[in-house]
Amino acid sequence: MKWFLFILQIILVIFLAFFTYKQMNQNYLDTWFIIFTVFFLIFVFWNVKRYYNY
């Protein structure tokens, strides 16, 4: 289960890098980019908290 969450996190990082590159050529932030970034950060912090038992 730990490896599955790690691989899922790596895939989400790749999508985040792609969306960030796409956003650099625009003068405004897309709503989907903001939503994806917020959910990504929630997932990463939840995963780290669960892994390290803070």
C-alpha atoms as a PDB file:
ATOM      1  CA  MET A   1       0.000   0.000   0.000  1.00  0.00           C
ATOM      2  CA  LYS A   2       2.877   2.352   0.800  1.00  0.00           C
ATOM      3  CA  TRP A   3       4.404   1.827  -2.661  1.00  0.00           C
ATOM      4  CA  PHE A   4       1.054   2.418  -4.363  1.00  0.00           C
ATOM      5  CA  LEU A   5       0.634   5.780  -2.637  1.00  0.00           C
ATOM      6  CA  PHE A   6       4.228   6.709  -3.477  1.00  0.00           C
ATOM      7  CA  ILE A   7       3.732   5.874  -7.183  1.00  0.00           C
ATOM      8  CA  LEU A   8       0.436   7.788  -7.194  1.00  0.00           C
ATOM      9  CA  GLN A   9       2.230  10.773  -5.683  1.00  0.00           C
ATOM     10  CA  ILE A  10       4.934  10.616  -8.381  1.00  0.00           C
ATOM     11  CA  ILE A  11       2.271  10.556 -11.118  1.00  0.00           C
ATOM     12  CA  LEU A  12       0.564  13.570  -9.534  1.00  0.00           C
ATOM     13  CA  VAL A  13       3.910  15.416  -9.420  1.00  0.00           C
ATOM     14  CA  ILE A  14       4.317  14.832 -13.162  1.00  0.00           C
ATOM     15  CA  PHE A  15       0.836  16.244 -13.805  1.00  0.00           C
ATOM     16  CA  LEU A  16       1.578  19.210 -11.539  1.00  0.00           C
ATOM     17  CA  ALA A  17       4.797  19.952 -13.443  1.00  0.00           C
ATOM     18  CA  PHE A  18       2.900  19.783 -16.748  1.00  0.00           C
ATOM     19  CA  PHE A  19       0.131  22.081 -15.496  1.00  0.00           C
ATOM     20  CA  THR A  20       2.702  24.509 -14.086  1.00  0.00           C
ATOM     21  CA  TYR A  21       4.503  24.644 -17.434  1.00  0.00           C
ATOM     22  CA  LYS A  22       1.168  25.236 -19.173  1.00  0.00           C
ATOM     23  CA  GLN A  23       0.300  28.047 -16.733  1.00  0.00           C
ATOM     24  CA  MET A  24       3.597  29.878 -17.320  1.00  0.00           C
ATOM     25  CA  ASN A  25       2.420  30.918 -20.799  1.00  0.00           C
ATOM     26  CA  GLN A  26      -0.805  32.510 -19.540  1.00  0.00           C
ATOM     27  CA  ASN A  27      -1.583  35.768 -17.803  1.00  0.00           C
ATOM     28  CA  TYR A  28      -4.135  34.220 -15.425  1.00  0.00           C
ATOM     29  CA  LEU A  29      -4.503  31.077 -13.324  1.00  0.00           C
ATOM     30  CA  ASP A  30      -6.996  28.458 -14.438  1.00  0.00           C
ATOM     31  CA  THR A  31      -9.509  27.331 -11.852  1.00  0.00           C
ATOM     32  CA  TRP A  32      -8.627  23.678 -12.473  1.00  0.00           C
ATOM     33  CA  PHE A  33      -4.954  24.400 -11.821  1.00  0.00           C
ATOM     34  CA  ILE A  34      -5.762  25.939  -8.447  1.00  0.00           C
ATOM     35  CA  ILE A  35      -8.109  23.068  -7.517  1.00  0.00           C
ATOM     36  CA  PHE A  36      -5.551  20.448  -8.573  1.00  0.00           C
ATOM     37  CA  THR A  37      -2.778  22.178  -6.619  1.00  0.00           C
ATOM     38  CA  VAL A  38      -4.862  22.378  -3.442  1.00  0.00           C
ATOM     39  CA  PHE A  39      -5.921  18.727  -3.648  1.00  0.00           C
ATOM     40  CA  PHE A  40      -2.352  17.704  -4.433  1.00  0.00           C
ATOM     41  CA  LEU A  41      -1.025  19.489  -1.344  1.00  0.00           C
ATOM     42  CA  ILE A  42      -3.750  17.948   0.829  1.00  0.00           C
ATOM     43  CA  PHE A  43      -2.872  14.484  -0.504  1.00  0.00           C
ATOM     44  CA  VAL A  44       0.852  14.960   0.032  1.00  0.00           C
ATOM     45  CA  PHE A  45       0.476  16.278   3.592  1.00  0.00           C
ATOM     46  CA  TRP A  46      -2.007  13.502   4.429  1.00  0.00           C
ATOM     47  CA  ASN A  47       0.388  10.910   3.025  1.00  0.00           C
ATOM     48  CA  VAL A  48       3.378  12.300   4.946  1.00  0.00           C
ATOM     49  CA  LYS A  49       1.361  12.559   8.149  1.00  0.00           C
ATOM     50  CA  ARG A  50       0.127   8.978   7.777  1.00  0.00           C
ATOM     51  CA  TYR A  51       3.587   7.672   6.926  1.00  0.00           C
ATOM     52  CA  TYR A  52       5.462   9.369   9.767  1.00  0.00           C
ATOM     53  CA  ASN A  53       2.577   9.237  12.320  1.00  0.00           C
ATOM     54  CA  TYR A  54       2.744  12.863  13.402  1.00  0.00           C
END
